[in-house]
């Protein structure tokens, strides 16, 4: 297991969410401090709290943006590179996991309290593997 995967899983086990675990693992590498990155990534958990794109995936896309993202309006090259790398990541993630949707990964929509109650501890079982996949894919892509 890589040091980054270990760090991401440690962050998750400490009580942070999937998105925070991925972002917190790579943020310092791109000049962003960990507390600020944790705040930025907080709301992305549970597929934006509605079962959509997995927090580990959105965390990885934030890291791609930190490395390749456009910050000047007419910098079309950076925008294009960021989009290209994001697309590669998304394709790689779907190949490995079959989906990027949190509700499909967990088997329920996080908004559905009754169904969620039927699966106690599911996130603690499922999310570590999902986080690991995101971190490993980023590493394979040169992060």
C-alpha atoms as a PDB file:
ATOM      1  CA  UNK A   1       0.000   0.000   0.000  1.00  0.00           C
ATOM      2  CA  UNK A   2       1.391   3.402  -0.954  1.00  0.00           C
ATOM      3  CA  UNK A   3       2.055   6.133   1.610  1.00  0.00           C
ATOM      4  CA  UNK A   4      -0.602   8.295  -0.009  1.00  0.00           C
ATOM      5  CA  UNK A   5      -3.215   5.569   0.218  1.00  0.00           C
ATOM      6  CA  UNK A   6      -2.261   5.084   3.871  1.00  0.00           C
ATOM      7  CA  UNK A   7      -2.618   8.814   4.517  1.00  0.00           C
ATOM      8  CA  UNK A   8      -5.988   9.014   2.749  1.00  0.00           C
ATOM      9  CA  UNK A   9      -7.333   6.054   4.704  1.00  0.00           C
ATOM     10  CA  UNK A  10      -6.008   7.540   7.938  1.00  0.00           C
ATOM     11  CA  UNK A  11      -7.818  10.806   7.180  1.00  0.00           C
ATOM     12  CA  UNK A  12     -11.026   8.893   6.451  1.00  0.00           C
ATOM     13  CA  UNK A  13     -10.767   6.789   9.608  1.00  0.00           C
ATOM     14  CA  UNK A  14     -10.230   9.963  11.632  1.00  0.00           C
ATOM     15  CA  UNK A  15     -13.736  11.128  10.709  1.00  0.00           C
ATOM     16  CA  UNK A  16     -13.175  13.068   7.497  1.00  0.00           C
ATOM     17  CA  UNK A  17     -15.181  12.218   4.400  1.00  0.00           C
ATOM     18  CA  UNK A  18     -14.071  10.625   1.112  1.00  0.00           C
ATOM     19  CA  UNK A  19     -13.522  13.903  -0.683  1.00  0.00           C
ATOM     20  CA  UNK A  20     -11.550  15.359   2.218  1.00  0.00           C
ATOM     21  CA  UNK A  21      -9.425  12.211   2.425  1.00  0.00           C
ATOM     22  CA  UNK A  22      -8.381  12.460  -1.222  1.00  0.00           C
ATOM     23  CA  UNK A  23      -7.870  16.230  -1.253  1.00  0.00           C
ATOM     24  CA  UNK A  24      -6.030  16.172   2.072  1.00  0.00           C
ATOM     25  CA  UNK A  25      -3.606  13.611   0.747  1.00  0.00           C
ATOM     26  CA  UNK A  26      -2.430  15.735  -2.175  1.00  0.00           C
ATOM     27  CA  UNK A  27      -3.192  19.377  -1.273  1.00  0.00           C
ATOM     28  CA  UNK A  28       0.188  20.309   0.207  1.00  0.00           C
ATOM     29  CA  UNK A  29       1.906  19.141  -2.958  1.00  0.00           C
ATOM     30  CA  UNK A  30       0.138  21.981  -4.790  1.00  0.00           C
ATOM     31  CA  UNK A  31       0.576  24.739  -2.229  1.00  0.00           C
ATOM     32  CA  UNK A  32      -2.811  24.451  -0.575  1.00  0.00           C
ATOM     33  CA  UNK A  33      -2.878  24.078   3.176  1.00  0.00           C
ATOM     34  CA  UNK A  34      -4.684  21.102   4.657  1.00  0.00           C
ATOM     35  CA  UNK A  35      -7.235  22.958   6.843  1.00  0.00           C
ATOM     36  CA  UNK A  36      -8.410  25.083   3.915  1.00  0.00           C
ATOM     37  CA  UNK A  37      -8.610  22.069   1.635  1.00  0.00           C
ATOM     38  CA  UNK A  38     -10.673  20.194   4.227  1.00  0.00           C
ATOM     39  CA  UNK A  39     -13.175  23.035   4.300  1.00  0.00           C
ATOM     40  CA  UNK A  40     -13.310  23.214   0.507  1.00  0.00           C
ATOM     41  CA  UNK A  41     -13.899  19.465   0.129  1.00  0.00           C
ATOM     42  CA  UNK A  42     -16.356  19.038   3.013  1.00  0.00           C
ATOM     43  CA  UNK A  43     -19.621  19.487   1.096  1.00  0.00           C
ATOM     44  CA  UNK A  44     -18.735  17.006  -1.636  1.00  0.00           C
ATOM     45  CA  UNK A  45     -19.325  13.903   0.511  1.00  0.00           C
ATOM     46  CA  UNK A  46     -22.158  11.540  -0.288  1.00  0.00           C
ATOM     47  CA  UNK A  47     -22.156  12.582  -3.908  1.00  0.00           C
ATOM     48  CA  UNK A  48     -22.742  16.242  -3.107  1.00  0.00           C
ATOM     49  CA  UNK A  49     -25.126  15.055  -0.366  1.00  0.00           C
ATOM     50  CA  UNK A  50     -27.526  13.717  -3.000  1.00  0.00           C
ATOM     51  CA  UNK A  51     -25.933  10.465  -4.168  1.00  0.00           C
ATOM     52  CA  UNK A  52     -24.409  11.908  -7.311  1.00  0.00           C
ATOM     53  CA  UNK A  53     -20.657  11.898  -8.118  1.00  0.00           C
ATOM     54  CA  UNK A  54     -18.692  10.106  -5.373  1.00  0.00           C
ATOM     55  CA  UNK A  55     -16.741  12.337  -2.995  1.00  0.00           C
ATOM     56  CA  UNK A  56     -13.486  10.471  -3.673  1.00  0.00           C
ATOM     57  CA  UNK A  57     -13.946  11.233  -7.372  1.00  0.00           C
ATOM     58  CA  UNK A  58     -14.750  14.909  -6.834  1.00  0.00           C
ATOM     59  CA  UNK A  59     -11.769  15.161  -4.488  1.00  0.00           C
ATOM     60  CA  UNK A  60      -9.529  13.737  -7.200  1.00  0.00           C
ATOM     61  CA  UNK A  61     -10.937  16.182  -9.754  1.00  0.00           C
ATOM     62  CA  UNK A  62     -10.128  19.053  -7.369  1.00  0.00           C
ATOM     63  CA  UNK A  63      -6.535  17.803  -7.218  1.00  0.00           C
ATOM     64  CA  UNK A  64      -6.392  17.603 -11.008  1.00  0.00           C
ATOM     65  CA  UNK A  65      -7.554  21.221 -11.053  1.00  0.00           C
ATOM     66  CA  UNK A  66      -4.837  22.236  -8.605  1.00  0.00           C
ATOM     67  CA  UNK A  67      -2.199  20.779 -10.923  1.00  0.00           C
ATOM     68  CA  UNK A  68      -3.595  21.616 -14.346  1.00  0.00           C
ATOM     69  CA  UNK A  69      -6.451  24.061 -13.823  1.00  0.00           C
ATOM     70  CA  UNK A  70      -6.988  27.327 -15.609  1.00  0.00           C
ATOM     71  CA  UNK A  71      -6.709  30.471 -13.485  1.00  0.00           C
ATOM     72  CA  UNK A  72      -6.418  33.111 -16.215  1.00  0.00           C
ATOM     73  CA  UNK A  73      -9.419  33.592 -18.500  1.00  0.00           C
ATOM     74  CA  UNK A  74      -7.528  33.389 -21.789  1.00  0.00           C
ATOM     75  CA  UNK A  75      -5.363  30.416 -20.754  1.00  0.00           C
ATOM     76  CA  UNK A  76      -7.123  27.954 -23.029  1.00  0.00           C
ATOM     77  CA  UNK A  77      -4.179  25.511 -22.935  1.00  0.00           C
ATOM     78  CA  UNK A  78      -4.509  24.956 -19.183  1.00  0.00           C
ATOM     79  CA  UNK A  79      -8.263  24.586 -19.468  1.00  0.00           C
ATOM     80  CA  UNK A  80      -7.868  22.015 -22.232  1.00  0.00           C
ATOM     81  CA  UNK A  81      -5.205  20.075 -20.325  1.00  0.00           C
ATOM     82  CA  UNK A  82      -7.323  20.039 -17.171  1.00  0.00           C
ATOM     83  CA  UNK A  83     -10.339  18.778 -19.097  1.00  0.00           C
ATOM     84  CA  UNK A  84      -8.233  16.103 -20.809  1.00  0.00           C
ATOM     85  CA  UNK A  85      -6.746  14.803 -17.540  1.00  0.00           C
ATOM     86  CA  UNK A  86     -10.136  14.944 -15.824  1.00  0.00           C
ATOM     87  CA  UNK A  87     -11.691  12.881 -18.627  1.00  0.00           C
ATOM     88  CA  UNK A  88      -8.863  10.325 -18.401  1.00  0.00           C
ATOM     89  CA  UNK A  89      -9.358  10.052 -14.656  1.00  0.00           C
ATOM     90  CA  UNK A  90     -13.109   9.616 -14.987  1.00  0.00           C
ATOM     91  CA  UNK A  91     -12.726   6.952 -17.672  1.00  0.00           C
ATOM     92  CA  UNK A  92     -10.147   5.091 -15.572  1.00  0.00           C
ATOM     93  CA  UNK A  93     -12.324   5.247 -12.494  1.00  0.00           C
ATOM     94  CA  UNK A  94     -15.391   3.910 -14.302  1.00  0.00           C
ATOM     95  CA  UNK A  95     -13.298   1.073 -15.773  1.00  0.00           C
ATOM     96  CA  UNK A  96     -12.237   0.057 -12.274  1.00  0.00           C
ATOM     97  CA  UNK A  97     -15.445   0.623 -10.336  1.00  0.00           C
ATOM     98  CA  UNK A  98     -18.188   0.572 -12.960  1.00  0.00           C
ATOM     99  CA  UNK A  99     -19.651   3.895 -11.818  1.00  0.00           C
ATOM    100  CA  UNK A 100     -18.825   7.263 -10.340  1.00  0.00           C
ATOM    101  CA  UNK A 101     -22.184   7.648  -8.595  1.00  0.00           C
ATOM    102  CA  UNK A 102     -22.195   7.462  -4.815  1.00  0.00           C
ATOM    103  CA  UNK A 103     -25.675   5.938  -4.619  1.00  0.00           C
ATOM    104  CA  UNK A 104     -24.616   3.114  -6.943  1.00  0.00           C
ATOM    105  CA  UNK A 105     -21.386   2.531  -5.028  1.00  0.00           C
ATOM    106  CA  UNK A 106     -23.117   2.451  -1.646  1.00  0.00           C
ATOM    107  CA  UNK A 107     -26.279   0.773  -2.846  1.00  0.00           C
ATOM    108  CA  UNK A 108     -28.528   3.509  -1.501  1.00  0.00           C
ATOM    109  CA  UNK A 109     -29.109   7.241  -1.706  1.00  0.00           C
ATOM    110  CA  UNK A 110     -27.578   9.050   1.277  1.00  0.00           C
ATOM    111  CA  UNK A 111     -30.678  11.266   1.494  1.00  0.00           C
ATOM    112  CA  UNK A 112     -32.885   8.255   2.221  1.00  0.00           C
ATOM    113  CA  UNK A 113     -32.576   7.944   5.998  1.00  0.00           C
ATOM    114  CA  UNK A 114     -34.715   4.807   6.241  1.00  0.00           C
ATOM    115  CA  UNK A 115     -32.696   2.894   3.662  1.00  0.00           C
ATOM    116  CA  UNK A 116     -29.412   4.214   5.053  1.00  0.00           C
ATOM    117  CA  UNK A 117     -30.426   2.902   8.486  1.00  0.00           C
ATOM    118  CA  UNK A 118     -30.757  -0.586   6.972  1.00  0.00           C
ATOM    119  CA  UNK A 119     -27.058  -0.496   6.029  1.00  0.00           C
ATOM    120  CA  UNK A 120     -25.257   0.565   9.230  1.00  0.00           C
ATOM    121  CA  UNK A 121     -21.517   0.837   8.766  1.00  0.00           C
ATOM    122  CA  UNK A 122     -21.737   0.443   4.977  1.00  0.00           C
ATOM    123  CA  UNK A 123     -19.725   3.583   4.328  1.00  0.00           C
ATOM    124  CA  UNK A 124     -16.930   2.400   6.618  1.00  0.00           C
ATOM    125  CA  UNK A 125     -16.812  -0.844   4.623  1.00  0.00           C
ATOM    126  CA  UNK A 126     -17.192   0.507   1.085  1.00  0.00           C
ATOM    127  CA  UNK A 127     -15.527   3.925   1.103  1.00  0.00           C
ATOM    128  CA  UNK A 128     -11.948   2.897   1.954  1.00  0.00           C
ATOM    129  CA  UNK A 129     -11.723   0.883  -1.271  1.00  0.00           C
ATOM    130  CA  UNK A 130     -13.233   3.759  -3.230  1.00  0.00           C
ATOM    131  CA  UNK A 131     -10.752   6.227  -1.727  1.00  0.00           C
ATOM    132  CA  UNK A 132      -7.873   3.859  -2.439  1.00  0.00           C
ATOM    133  CA  UNK A 133      -8.920   3.573  -6.079  1.00  0.00           C
ATOM    134  CA  UNK A 134      -9.011   7.358  -6.507  1.00  0.00           C
ATOM    135  CA  UNK A 135      -5.614   7.846  -4.873  1.00  0.00           C
ATOM    136  CA  UNK A 136      -3.954   5.008  -6.818  1.00  0.00           C
ATOM    137  CA  UNK A 137      -5.363   6.280 -10.099  1.00  0.00           C
ATOM    138  CA  UNK A 138      -4.025   9.772  -9.377  1.00  0.00           C
ATOM    139  CA  UNK A 139      -0.632   8.279  -8.544  1.00  0.00           C
ATOM    140  CA  UNK A 140      -0.614   6.284 -11.774  1.00  0.00           C
ATOM    141  CA  UNK A 141      -1.364   9.524 -13.611  1.00  0.00           C
ATOM    142  CA  UNK A 142       1.740  11.176 -12.142  1.00  0.00           C
ATOM    143  CA  UNK A 143       0.377  12.945  -9.094  1.00  0.00           C
END
